[in-house]
């Protein structure tokens, strides 16, 4: 009877956590759509009606690019996990979209690490967290590389005056901090809950070069898809400038907003504020810019998280005690 009661208690707690995650995600989405201080919902809907985005063929094209964006992420996760064990495309979909839903309302989506780890046995979870980090780092590398190129072009194109002295001070501080971290991390005594520089380096080397290359390639393809999806939406909202100039603004926006969450909780409002500043140079109205940012958020976060809700509800905790094939 005690075993049965304990099992029922665990089942109830699991169900309660699932419901809490779905309620939290639903409220987060509702709050962003209904209480957006920058964009009134009625004005947003009027913009959609006048922009011809509600045409069936256009909707199909936008949903298709969203599908391709997340399909690449699903393939990327399947590829990364193959260094531990083989999983199916459906399992990778559950991990990826379920993890998105569970992490939607967490700061900088840190909840994704824990959510994905729960799909694996206890012996595999540390490696799974590391693999998720590799996937996010590859995406960040693509964002930073293309973003820096675009930002330099944008600054030169519009002759923007930047606080170079402040930027130099911050860069110097980050550089010195990074050097101290690297030097300290190489010391044998430097460990955080069992993690050390030596173990991290060993983990990186255990992942084959082929997987690292495929991880980075898929991240670049994802970046190309959602950045061009943003570009197409801008065209529907009256963008009238060259492709290169527009892409320099888009890549600059993603660069800046990828760095801001390191200090603040990610918020669609932050991205909206950056976009208003950048695309203001291209002659777009604030209403049009915020409408595009909101649409991108709905397409690439809200829709996938709704699908992910199914996987959250059908999630079953792993009970197997088998060890990972990677020692």
C-alpha atoms as a PDB file:
ATOM      1  CA  UNK A   1       0.000   0.000   0.000  1.00  0.00           C
ATOM      2  CA  UNK A   2       2.846   2.391   0.761  1.00  0.00           C
ATOM      3  CA  UNK A   3       4.413   1.752  -2.616  1.00  0.00           C
ATOM      4  CA  UNK A   4       1.087   2.328  -4.353  1.00  0.00           C
ATOM      5  CA  UNK A   5       0.468   5.531  -2.412  1.00  0.00           C
ATOM      6  CA  UNK A   6       3.952   6.742  -3.211  1.00  0.00           C
ATOM      7  CA  UNK A   7       3.440   5.999  -6.897  1.00  0.00           C
ATOM      8  CA  UNK A   8       0.093   7.811  -6.920  1.00  0.00           C
ATOM      9  CA  UNK A   9       1.678  10.789  -5.176  1.00  0.00           C
ATOM     10  CA  UNK A  10       4.394  10.967  -7.838  1.00  0.00           C
ATOM     11  CA  UNK A  11       1.781  10.714 -10.571  1.00  0.00           C
ATOM     12  CA  UNK A  12      -0.204  13.554  -9.026  1.00  0.00           C
ATOM     13  CA  UNK A  13       2.896  15.739  -8.636  1.00  0.00           C
ATOM     14  CA  UNK A  14       3.904  15.073 -12.244  1.00  0.00           C
ATOM     15  CA  UNK A  15       0.418  15.992 -13.454  1.00  0.00           C
ATOM     16  CA  UNK A  16       0.394  19.138 -11.283  1.00  0.00           C
ATOM     17  CA  UNK A  17       3.758  20.244 -12.697  1.00  0.00           C
ATOM     18  CA  UNK A  18       2.515  19.681 -16.249  1.00  0.00           C
ATOM     19  CA  UNK A  19      -0.589  21.777 -15.600  1.00  0.00           C
ATOM     20  CA  UNK A  20       1.479  24.507 -13.927  1.00  0.00           C
ATOM     21  CA  UNK A  21       3.821  24.670 -16.931  1.00  0.00           C
ATOM     22  CA  UNK A  22       0.932  24.917 -19.395  1.00  0.00           C
ATOM     23  CA  UNK A  23      -0.860  27.566 -17.326  1.00  0.00           C
ATOM     24  CA  UNK A  24       2.365  29.535 -16.958  1.00  0.00           C
ATOM     25  CA  UNK A  25       3.087  29.379 -20.701  1.00  0.00           C
ATOM     26  CA  UNK A  26      -0.510  30.277 -21.608  1.00  0.00           C
ATOM     27  CA  UNK A  27      -0.550  33.253 -19.248  1.00  0.00           C
ATOM     28  CA  UNK A  28       2.842  34.431 -20.523  1.00  0.00           C
ATOM     29  CA  UNK A  29       1.577  34.382 -24.125  1.00  0.00           C
ATOM     30  CA  UNK A  30      -1.709  36.063 -23.209  1.00  0.00           C
ATOM     31  CA  UNK A  31       0.033  38.762 -21.196  1.00  0.00           C
ATOM     32  CA  UNK A  32       2.408  39.600 -24.054  1.00  0.00           C
ATOM     33  CA  UNK A  33      -0.412  39.812 -26.590  1.00  0.00           C
ATOM     34  CA  UNK A  34      -3.103  41.510 -24.513  1.00  0.00           C
ATOM     35  CA  UNK A  35      -0.963  43.817 -22.363  1.00  0.00           C
ATOM     36  CA  UNK A  36       1.773  44.882 -24.732  1.00  0.00           C
ATOM     37  CA  UNK A  37       2.507  48.446 -23.644  1.00  0.00           C
ATOM     38  CA  UNK A  38       4.148  49.214 -26.976  1.00  0.00           C
ATOM     39  CA  UNK A  39       1.529  47.848 -29.373  1.00  0.00           C
ATOM     40  CA  UNK A  40      -2.240  47.956 -29.012  1.00  0.00           C
ATOM     41  CA  UNK A  41      -3.846  44.687 -30.123  1.00  0.00           C
ATOM     42  CA  UNK A  42      -6.569  46.408 -32.195  1.00  0.00           C
ATOM     43  CA  UNK A  43      -3.956  48.489 -34.009  1.00  0.00           C
ATOM     44  CA  UNK A  44      -1.918  45.348 -34.595  1.00  0.00           C
ATOM     45  CA  UNK A  45      -4.900  43.536 -36.100  1.00  0.00           C
ATOM     46  CA  UNK A  46      -5.712  46.505 -38.354  1.00  0.00           C
ATOM     47  CA  UNK A  47      -2.140  46.428 -39.615  1.00  0.00           C
ATOM     48  CA  UNK A  48      -2.495  42.743 -40.472  1.00  0.00           C
ATOM     49  CA  UNK A  49      -5.672  43.396 -42.453  1.00  0.00           C
ATOM     50  CA  UNK A  50      -4.137  46.238 -44.467  1.00  0.00           C
ATOM     51  CA  UNK A  51      -0.826  44.441 -45.123  1.00  0.00           C
ATOM     52  CA  UNK A  52      -2.388  41.497 -47.048  1.00  0.00           C
ATOM     53  CA  UNK A  53      -0.711  39.059 -44.637  1.00  0.00           C
ATOM     54  CA  UNK A  54      -4.028  37.339 -43.977  1.00  0.00           C
ATOM     55  CA  UNK A  55      -4.157  35.908 -47.502  1.00  0.00           C
ATOM     56  CA  UNK A  56      -4.217  32.067 -47.327  1.00  0.00           C
ATOM     57  CA  UNK A  57      -1.141  31.667 -49.551  1.00  0.00           C
ATOM     58  CA  UNK A  58       0.855  34.160 -47.492  1.00  0.00           C
ATOM     59  CA  UNK A  59      -0.148  32.486 -44.215  1.00  0.00           C
ATOM     60  CA  UNK A  60       0.884  29.125 -45.658  1.00  0.00           C
ATOM     61  CA  UNK A  61       4.290  30.514 -46.665  1.00  0.00           C
ATOM     62  CA  UNK A  62       4.918  32.028 -43.224  1.00  0.00           C
ATOM     63  CA  UNK A  63       3.860  28.862 -41.391  1.00  0.00           C
ATOM     64  CA  UNK A  64       6.066  26.815 -43.748  1.00  0.00           C
ATOM     65  CA  UNK A  65       9.142  28.902 -42.911  1.00  0.00           C
ATOM     66  CA  UNK A  66       8.326  28.545 -39.212  1.00  0.00           C
ATOM     67  CA  UNK A  67       8.101  24.780 -39.691  1.00  0.00           C
ATOM     68  CA  UNK A  68      11.470  24.735 -41.490  1.00  0.00           C
ATOM     69  CA  UNK A  69      13.030  26.838 -38.733  1.00  0.00           C
ATOM     70  CA  UNK A  70      11.990  24.440 -35.975  1.00  0.00           C
ATOM     71  CA  UNK A  71      12.533  21.338 -38.108  1.00  0.00           C
ATOM     72  CA  UNK A  72      16.199  22.325 -38.401  1.00  0.00           C
ATOM     73  CA  UNK A  73      16.340  22.792 -34.620  1.00  0.00           C
ATOM     74  CA  UNK A  74      14.804  19.345 -34.151  1.00  0.00           C
ATOM     75  CA  UNK A  75      17.348  17.793 -36.539  1.00  0.00           C
ATOM     76  CA  UNK A  76      20.124  19.677 -34.741  1.00  0.00           C
ATOM     77  CA  UNK A  77      19.068  18.260 -31.378  1.00  0.00           C
ATOM     78  CA  UNK A  78      18.807  14.749 -32.830  1.00  0.00           C
ATOM     79  CA  UNK A  79      22.329  15.154 -34.200  1.00  0.00           C
ATOM     80  CA  UNK A  80      23.747  16.364 -30.888  1.00  0.00           C
ATOM     81  CA  UNK A  81      22.076  13.592 -28.878  1.00  0.00           C
ATOM     82  CA  UNK A  82      23.504  10.978 -31.269  1.00  0.00           C
ATOM     83  CA  UNK A  83      26.800  11.399 -29.381  1.00  0.00           C
ATOM     84  CA  UNK A  84      25.024   9.732 -26.429  1.00  0.00           C
ATOM     85  CA  UNK A  85      22.451   7.500 -28.079  1.00  0.00           C
ATOM     86  CA  UNK A  86      20.186   7.340 -31.104  1.00  0.00           C
ATOM     87  CA  UNK A  87      16.741   8.939 -30.829  1.00  0.00           C
ATOM     88  CA  UNK A  88      13.950   9.177 -33.398  1.00  0.00           C
ATOM     89  CA  UNK A  89      12.828  12.370 -35.092  1.00  0.00           C
ATOM     90  CA  UNK A  90       9.577  12.208 -33.100  1.00  0.00           C
ATOM     91  CA  UNK A  91      11.492  11.944 -29.816  1.00  0.00           C
ATOM     92  CA  UNK A  92      13.667  14.891 -30.817  1.00  0.00           C
ATOM     93  CA  UNK A  93      10.490  16.846 -31.630  1.00  0.00           C
ATOM     94  CA  UNK A  94       9.095  16.096 -28.171  1.00  0.00           C
ATOM     95  CA  UNK A  95      12.340  17.164 -26.483  1.00  0.00           C
ATOM     96  CA  UNK A  96      12.675  20.358 -28.537  1.00  0.00           C
ATOM     97  CA  UNK A  97       9.096  21.662 -28.553  1.00  0.00           C
ATOM     98  CA  UNK A  98       8.307  20.362 -25.063  1.00  0.00           C
ATOM     99  CA  UNK A  99      11.446  22.082 -23.815  1.00  0.00           C
ATOM    100  CA  UNK A 100      10.391  25.302 -25.551  1.00  0.00           C
ATOM    101  CA  UNK A 101       6.978  25.286 -23.869  1.00  0.00           C
ATOM    102  CA  UNK A 102       8.442  24.536 -20.442  1.00  0.00           C
ATOM    103  CA  UNK A 103      11.034  27.295 -20.780  1.00  0.00           C
ATOM    104  CA  UNK A 104       8.914  29.991 -22.428  1.00  0.00           C
ATOM    105  CA  UNK A 105       8.362  31.983 -19.242  1.00  0.00           C
ATOM    106  CA  UNK A 106      11.774  31.351 -17.665  1.00  0.00           C
ATOM    107  CA  UNK A 107      14.595  33.957 -17.756  1.00  0.00           C
ATOM    108  CA  UNK A 108      16.527  33.633 -21.012  1.00  0.00           C
ATOM    109  CA  UNK A 109      14.801  30.229 -21.506  1.00  0.00           C
ATOM    110  CA  UNK A 110      17.103  28.550 -18.984  1.00  0.00           C
ATOM    111  CA  UNK A 111      14.290  26.119 -18.188  1.00  0.00           C
ATOM    112  CA  UNK A 112      15.005  24.394 -21.496  1.00  0.00           C
ATOM    113  CA  UNK A 113      18.122  22.777 -20.015  1.00  0.00           C
ATOM    114  CA  UNK A 114      16.226  21.070 -17.222  1.00  0.00           C
ATOM    115  CA  UNK A 115      13.212  20.227 -19.381  1.00  0.00           C
ATOM    116  CA  UNK A 116      15.260  18.391 -22.013  1.00  0.00           C
ATOM    117  CA  UNK A 117      17.320  16.593 -19.373  1.00  0.00           C
ATOM    118  CA  UNK A 118      14.156  15.060 -17.889  1.00  0.00           C
ATOM    119  CA  UNK A 119      13.662  13.026 -21.064  1.00  0.00           C
ATOM    120  CA  UNK A 120      16.855  11.097 -20.266  1.00  0.00           C
ATOM    121  CA  UNK A 121      18.059   8.805 -17.512  1.00  0.00           C
ATOM    122  CA  UNK A 122      19.897  10.221 -14.506  1.00  0.00           C
ATOM    123  CA  UNK A 123      23.237   8.995 -15.877  1.00  0.00           C
ATOM    124  CA  UNK A 124      22.795  10.936 -19.109  1.00  0.00           C
ATOM    125  CA  UNK A 125      21.507  14.269 -17.827  1.00  0.00           C
ATOM    126  CA  UNK A 126      24.801  16.083 -17.309  1.00  0.00           C
ATOM    127  CA  UNK A 127      25.822  15.273 -20.862  1.00  0.00           C
ATOM    128  CA  UNK A 128      22.404  16.331 -22.148  1.00  0.00           C
ATOM    129  CA  UNK A 129      22.771  19.733 -20.458  1.00  0.00           C
ATOM    130  CA  UNK A 130      26.195  20.051 -22.098  1.00  0.00           C
ATOM    131  CA  UNK A 131      24.799  19.141 -25.511  1.00  0.00           C
ATOM    132  CA  UNK A 132      22.021  21.704 -25.165  1.00  0.00           C
ATOM    133  CA  UNK A 133      24.681  24.285 -24.318  1.00  0.00           C
ATOM    134  CA  UNK A 134      26.604  23.341 -27.477  1.00  0.00           C
ATOM    135  CA  UNK A 135      23.467  23.821 -29.552  1.00  0.00           C
ATOM    136  CA  UNK A 136      22.794  27.255 -28.057  1.00  0.00           C
ATOM    137  CA  UNK A 137      26.430  28.317 -28.400  1.00  0.00           C
ATOM    138  CA  UNK A 138      26.448  27.375 -32.098  1.00  0.00           C
ATOM    139  CA  UNK A 139      23.316  29.491 -32.620  1.00  0.00           C
ATOM    140  CA  UNK A 140      24.924  32.365 -30.723  1.00  0.00           C
ATOM    141  CA  UNK A 141      28.080  32.109 -32.858  1.00  0.00           C
ATOM    142  CA  UNK A 142      25.997  32.450 -36.028  1.00  0.00           C
ATOM    143  CA  UNK A 143      24.152  35.426 -34.521  1.00  0.00           C
ATOM    144  CA  UNK A 144      27.339  37.177 -33.412  1.00  0.00           C
ATOM    145  CA  UNK A 145      29.327  36.617 -36.627  1.00  0.00           C
ATOM    146  CA  UNK A 146      26.588  37.781 -39.006  1.00  0.00           C
ATOM    147  CA  UNK A 147      25.477  40.426 -36.532  1.00  0.00           C
ATOM    148  CA  UNK A 148      28.908  42.021 -36.286  1.00  0.00           C
ATOM    149  CA  UNK A 149      29.236  42.156 -40.073  1.00  0.00           C
ATOM    150  CA  UNK A 150      25.774  43.680 -40.402  1.00  0.00           C
ATOM    151  CA  UNK A 151      26.267  46.117 -37.527  1.00  0.00           C
ATOM    152  CA  UNK A 152      29.565  47.454 -38.910  1.00  0.00           C
ATOM    153  CA  UNK A 153      27.927  47.977 -42.306  1.00  0.00           C
ATOM    154  CA  UNK A 154      24.904  49.648 -40.691  1.00  0.00           C
ATOM    155  CA  UNK A 155      27.011  52.030 -38.603  1.00  0.00           C
ATOM    156  CA  UNK A 156      29.101  53.055 -41.621  1.00  0.00           C
ATOM    157  CA  UNK A 157      26.058  53.336 -43.877  1.00  0.00           C
ATOM    158  CA  UNK A 158      24.197  55.737 -41.583  1.00  0.00           C
ATOM    159  CA  UNK A 159      27.184  57.367 -39.880  1.00  0.00           C
ATOM    160  CA  UNK A 160      25.937  56.456 -36.402  1.00  0.00           C
ATOM    161  CA  UNK A 161      27.941  57.922 -33.540  1.00  0.00           C
ATOM    162  CA  UNK A 162      28.636  55.274 -30.917  1.00  0.00           C
ATOM    163  CA  UNK A 163      30.056  55.736 -27.383  1.00  0.00           C
ATOM    164  CA  UNK A 164      33.380  54.156 -28.362  1.00  0.00           C
ATOM    165  CA  UNK A 165      35.093  55.002 -25.074  1.00  0.00           C
ATOM    166  CA  UNK A 166      32.404  53.221 -23.059  1.00  0.00           C
ATOM    167  CA  UNK A 167      32.417  50.277 -25.463  1.00  0.00           C
ATOM    168  CA  UNK A 168      36.212  50.012 -25.130  1.00  0.00           C
ATOM    169  CA  UNK A 169      36.004  50.030 -21.318  1.00  0.00           C
ATOM    170  CA  UNK A 170      33.326  47.346 -21.267  1.00  0.00           C
ATOM    171  CA  UNK A 171      35.251  45.229 -23.798  1.00  0.00           C
ATOM    172  CA  UNK A 172      38.443  45.540 -21.756  1.00  0.00           C
ATOM    173  CA  UNK A 173      36.600  44.538 -18.577  1.00  0.00           C
ATOM    174  CA  UNK A 174      35.034  41.497 -20.283  1.00  0.00           C
ATOM    175  CA  UNK A 175      38.419  40.521 -21.754  1.00  0.00           C
ATOM    176  CA  UNK A 176      40.203  40.720 -18.389  1.00  0.00           C
ATOM    177  CA  UNK A 177      37.363  38.832 -16.706  1.00  0.00           C
ATOM    178  CA  UNK A 178      37.539  36.158 -19.403  1.00  0.00           C
ATOM    179  CA  UNK A 179      41.307  35.776 -18.979  1.00  0.00           C
ATOM    180  CA  UNK A 180      40.968  35.397 -15.205  1.00  0.00           C
ATOM    181  CA  UNK A 181      38.212  32.834 -15.701  1.00  0.00           C
ATOM    182  CA  UNK A 182      40.249  30.801 -18.194  1.00  0.00           C
ATOM    183  CA  UNK A 183      43.359  30.873 -16.013  1.00  0.00           C
ATOM    184  CA  UNK A 184      41.361  29.937 -12.913  1.00  0.00           C
ATOM    185  CA  UNK A 185      39.384  27.271 -14.747  1.00  0.00           C
ATOM    186  CA  UNK A 186      42.577  25.445 -15.698  1.00  0.00           C
ATOM    187  CA  UNK A 187      43.491  25.035 -12.057  1.00  0.00           C
ATOM    188  CA  UNK A 188      42.625  21.600 -10.691  1.00  0.00           C
ATOM    189  CA  UNK A 189      41.006  23.116  -7.621  1.00  0.00           C
ATOM    190  CA  UNK A 190      38.544  25.084  -9.728  1.00  0.00           C
ATOM    191  CA  UNK A 191      35.308  23.104  -9.795  1.00  0.00           C
ATOM    192  CA  UNK A 192      31.619  23.982  -9.648  1.00  0.00           C
ATOM    193  CA  UNK A 193      29.470  21.070  -8.494  1.00  0.00           C
ATOM    194  CA  UNK A 194      31.733  18.547 -10.196  1.00  0.00           C
ATOM    195  CA  UNK A 195      32.258  20.583 -13.370  1.00  0.00           C
ATOM    196  CA  UNK A 196      35.789  21.649 -14.234  1.00  0.00           C
ATOM    197  CA  UNK A 197      37.648  23.012 -17.229  1.00  0.00           C
ATOM    198  CA  UNK A 198      39.277  19.611 -17.764  1.00  0.00           C
ATOM    199  CA  UNK A 199      35.917  17.822 -17.779  1.00  0.00           C
ATOM    200  CA  UNK A 200      34.374  20.421 -20.060  1.00  0.00           C
ATOM    201  CA  UNK A 201      37.250  20.085 -22.520  1.00  0.00           C
ATOM    202  CA  UNK A 202      37.007  16.304 -22.361  1.00  0.00           C
ATOM    203  CA  UNK A 203      33.265  16.504 -23.029  1.00  0.00           C
ATOM    204  CA  UNK A 204      33.851  18.726 -26.073  1.00  0.00           C
ATOM    205  CA  UNK A 205      36.406  16.264 -27.442  1.00  0.00           C
ATOM    206  CA  UNK A 206      34.035  13.318 -26.936  1.00  0.00           C
ATOM    207  CA  UNK A 207      31.653  14.967 -29.392  1.00  0.00           C
ATOM    208  CA  UNK A 208      32.918  14.201 -32.892  1.00  0.00           C
ATOM    209  CA  UNK A 209      34.048  16.923 -35.271  1.00  0.00           C
ATOM    210  CA  UNK A 210      31.316  15.840 -37.695  1.00  0.00           C
ATOM    211  CA  UNK A 211      28.642  16.586 -35.088  1.00  0.00           C
ATOM    212  CA  UNK A 212      30.208  19.960 -34.234  1.00  0.00           C
ATOM    213  CA  UNK A 213      30.260  20.892 -37.930  1.00  0.00           C
ATOM    214  CA  UNK A 214      26.683  19.771 -38.507  1.00  0.00           C
ATOM    215  CA  UNK A 215      25.565  21.614 -35.363  1.00  0.00           C
ATOM    216  CA  UNK A 216      27.091  24.874 -36.622  1.00  0.00           C
ATOM    217  CA  UNK A 217      25.812  24.372 -40.181  1.00  0.00           C
ATOM    218  CA  UNK A 218      22.237  23.790 -39.023  1.00  0.00           C
ATOM    219  CA  UNK A 219      22.478  26.848 -36.761  1.00  0.00           C
ATOM    220  CA  UNK A 220      23.543  28.988 -39.732  1.00  0.00           C
ATOM    221  CA  UNK A 221      20.682  27.616 -41.842  1.00  0.00           C
ATOM    222  CA  UNK A 222      18.212  28.389 -39.045  1.00  0.00           C
ATOM    223  CA  UNK A 223      19.589  31.906 -38.792  1.00  0.00           C
ATOM    224  CA  UNK A 224      19.194  32.388 -42.552  1.00  0.00           C
ATOM    225  CA  UNK A 225      15.573  31.213 -42.429  1.00  0.00           C
ATOM    226  CA  UNK A 226      14.255  33.330 -39.556  1.00  0.00           C
ATOM    227  CA  UNK A 227      16.225  36.441 -40.572  1.00  0.00           C
ATOM    228  CA  UNK A 228      14.795  36.248 -44.091  1.00  0.00           C
ATOM    229  CA  UNK A 229      11.347  35.570 -42.662  1.00  0.00           C
ATOM    230  CA  UNK A 230      11.742  38.877 -40.834  1.00  0.00           C
ATOM    231  CA  UNK A 231      12.818  40.529 -44.109  1.00  0.00           C
ATOM    232  CA  UNK A 232       9.754  39.241 -45.994  1.00  0.00           C
ATOM    233  CA  UNK A 233       7.443  40.540 -43.258  1.00  0.00           C
ATOM    234  CA  UNK A 234       9.108  43.954 -43.510  1.00  0.00           C
ATOM    235  CA  UNK A 235       8.330  44.005 -47.247  1.00  0.00           C
ATOM    236  CA  UNK A 236       4.644  43.468 -46.494  1.00  0.00           C
ATOM    237  CA  UNK A 237       4.750  46.410 -44.088  1.00  0.00           C
ATOM    238  CA  UNK A 238       6.170  48.866 -46.585  1.00  0.00           C
ATOM    239  CA  UNK A 239       9.943  48.407 -46.457  1.00  0.00           C
ATOM    240  CA  UNK A 240      11.494  50.332 -49.341  1.00  0.00           C
ATOM    241  CA  UNK A 241      15.253  49.953 -49.182  1.00  0.00           C
ATOM    242  CA  UNK A 242      17.994  47.712 -50.547  1.00  0.00           C
ATOM    243  CA  UNK A 243      18.292  44.086 -49.485  1.00  0.00           C
ATOM    244  CA  UNK A 244      21.783  44.578 -48.027  1.00  0.00           C
ATOM    245  CA  UNK A 245      20.742  47.580 -45.933  1.00  0.00           C
ATOM    246  CA  UNK A 246      17.662  45.773 -44.641  1.00  0.00           C
ATOM    247  CA  UNK A 247      19.628  42.629 -43.747  1.00  0.00           C
ATOM    248  CA  UNK A 248      22.278  44.715 -41.968  1.00  0.00           C
ATOM    249  CA  UNK A 249      19.533  46.159 -39.746  1.00  0.00           C
ATOM    250  CA  UNK A 250      18.022  42.709 -39.124  1.00  0.00           C
ATOM    251  CA  UNK A 251      21.336  41.071 -38.237  1.00  0.00           C
ATOM    252  CA  UNK A 252      22.207  44.040 -36.005  1.00  0.00           C
ATOM    253  CA  UNK A 253      18.900  43.673 -34.175  1.00  0.00           C
ATOM    254  CA  UNK A 254      19.497  39.976 -33.496  1.00  0.00           C
ATOM    255  CA  UNK A 255      23.038  40.710 -32.348  1.00  0.00           C
ATOM    256  CA  UNK A 256      21.966  43.361 -29.830  1.00  0.00           C
ATOM    257  CA  UNK A 257      18.984  41.426 -28.488  1.00  0.00           C
ATOM    258  CA  UNK A 258      21.077  38.263 -28.102  1.00  0.00           C
ATOM    259  CA  UNK A 259      23.416  40.142 -25.755  1.00  0.00           C
ATOM    260  CA  UNK A 260      20.770  42.012 -23.730  1.00  0.00           C
ATOM    261  CA  UNK A 261      19.248  38.863 -22.126  1.00  0.00           C
ATOM    262  CA  UNK A 262      22.572  38.209 -20.416  1.00  0.00           C
ATOM    263  CA  UNK A 263      21.568  41.010 -18.050  1.00  0.00           C
ATOM    264  CA  UNK A 264      17.776  41.080 -18.318  1.00  0.00           C
ATOM    265  CA  UNK A 265      14.974  38.549 -18.723  1.00  0.00           C
ATOM    266  CA  UNK A 266      14.231  38.136 -22.437  1.00  0.00           C
ATOM    267  CA  UNK A 267      11.211  40.160 -23.412  1.00  0.00           C
ATOM    268  CA  UNK A 268       9.542  40.833 -26.766  1.00  0.00           C
ATOM    269  CA  UNK A 269       9.372  44.471 -25.636  1.00  0.00           C
ATOM    270  CA  UNK A 270      13.183  44.657 -25.548  1.00  0.00           C
ATOM    271  CA  UNK A 271      13.436  43.376 -29.101  1.00  0.00           C
ATOM    272  CA  UNK A 272      10.715  45.804 -30.126  1.00  0.00           C
ATOM    273  CA  UNK A 273      12.598  48.760 -28.652  1.00  0.00           C
ATOM    274  CA  UNK A 274      15.835  47.806 -30.438  1.00  0.00           C
ATOM    275  CA  UNK A 275      13.970  47.248 -33.714  1.00  0.00           C
ATOM    276  CA  UNK A 276      12.246  50.651 -33.475  1.00  0.00           C
ATOM    277  CA  UNK A 277      15.651  52.339 -33.083  1.00  0.00           C
ATOM    278  CA  UNK A 278      17.328  50.445 -35.945  1.00  0.00           C
ATOM    279  CA  UNK A 279      14.526  50.403 -38.496  1.00  0.00           C
ATOM    280  CA  UNK A 280      13.707  54.020 -37.784  1.00  0.00           C
ATOM    281  CA  UNK A 281      16.772  54.759 -39.948  1.00  0.00           C
ATOM    282  CA  UNK A 282      15.051  52.910 -42.805  1.00  0.00           C
ATOM    283  CA  UNK A 283      11.957  55.094 -42.640  1.00  0.00           C
ATOM    284  CA  UNK A 284       9.558  52.509 -41.205  1.00  0.00           C
ATOM    285  CA  UNK A 285       6.913  53.649 -38.742  1.00  0.00           C
ATOM    286  CA  UNK A 286       7.015  52.421 -35.160  1.00  0.00           C
ATOM    287  CA  UNK A 287       3.651  50.683 -35.600  1.00  0.00           C
ATOM    288  CA  UNK A 288       4.882  48.692 -38.604  1.00  0.00           C
ATOM    289  CA  UNK A 289       8.107  47.682 -36.885  1.00  0.00           C
ATOM    290  CA  UNK A 290       6.381  46.525 -33.704  1.00  0.00           C
ATOM    291  CA  UNK A 291       3.832  44.614 -35.774  1.00  0.00           C
ATOM    292  CA  UNK A 292       6.623  42.680 -37.504  1.00  0.00           C
ATOM    293  CA  UNK A 293       8.391  41.930 -34.203  1.00  0.00           C
ATOM    294  CA  UNK A 294       5.118  40.700 -32.681  1.00  0.00           C
ATOM    295  CA  UNK A 295       4.395  38.522 -35.705  1.00  0.00           C
ATOM    296  CA  UNK A 296       7.856  36.962 -35.532  1.00  0.00           C
ATOM    297  CA  UNK A 297       7.291  36.179 -31.860  1.00  0.00           C
ATOM    298  CA  UNK A 298       3.896  34.600 -32.572  1.00  0.00           C
ATOM    299  CA  UNK A 299       5.212  32.534 -35.489  1.00  0.00           C
ATOM    300  CA  UNK A 300       8.443  31.297 -33.932  1.00  0.00           C
ATOM    301  CA  UNK A 301       7.567  31.007 -30.245  1.00  0.00           C
ATOM    302  CA  UNK A 302       3.812  30.972 -29.693  1.00  0.00           C
ATOM    303  CA  UNK A 303       2.864  28.465 -32.422  1.00  0.00           C
ATOM    304  CA  UNK A 304       5.666  25.971 -31.622  1.00  0.00           C
ATOM    305  CA  UNK A 305       4.925  26.234 -27.890  1.00  0.00           C
ATOM    306  CA  UNK A 306       1.269  25.389 -28.552  1.00  0.00           C
ATOM    307  CA  UNK A 307       2.411  22.206 -30.331  1.00  0.00           C
ATOM    308  CA  UNK A 308       4.872  21.641 -27.490  1.00  0.00           C
ATOM    309  CA  UNK A 309       1.992  21.673 -25.014  1.00  0.00           C
ATOM    310  CA  UNK A 310       0.928  18.299 -26.398  1.00  0.00           C
ATOM    311  CA  UNK A 311       4.327  16.814 -25.586  1.00  0.00           C
ATOM    312  CA  UNK A 312       4.327  18.370 -22.112  1.00  0.00           C
ATOM    313  CA  UNK A 313       0.971  16.756 -21.350  1.00  0.00           C
ATOM    314  CA  UNK A 314       2.179  13.379 -22.624  1.00  0.00           C
ATOM    315  CA  UNK A 315       5.540  13.535 -20.905  1.00  0.00           C
ATOM    316  CA  UNK A 316       6.438  10.435 -18.884  1.00  0.00           C
ATOM    317  CA  UNK A 317       9.390  10.590 -16.457  1.00  0.00           C
ATOM    318  CA  UNK A 318      12.261   8.271 -17.349  1.00  0.00           C
ATOM    319  CA  UNK A 319      12.549   5.376 -14.882  1.00  0.00           C
ATOM    320  CA  UNK A 320      15.209   3.283 -16.538  1.00  0.00           C
ATOM    321  CA  UNK A 321      18.550   3.005 -14.804  1.00  0.00           C
ATOM    322  CA  UNK A 322      20.588   2.139 -17.872  1.00  0.00           C
ATOM    323  CA  UNK A 323      23.839   4.020 -18.253  1.00  0.00           C
ATOM    324  CA  UNK A 324      24.844   6.089 -21.214  1.00  0.00           C
ATOM    325  CA  UNK A 325      26.898   4.344 -23.891  1.00  0.00           C
ATOM    326  CA  UNK A 326      29.423   7.161 -23.627  1.00  0.00           C
ATOM    327  CA  UNK A 327      31.701   6.723 -20.668  1.00  0.00           C
END
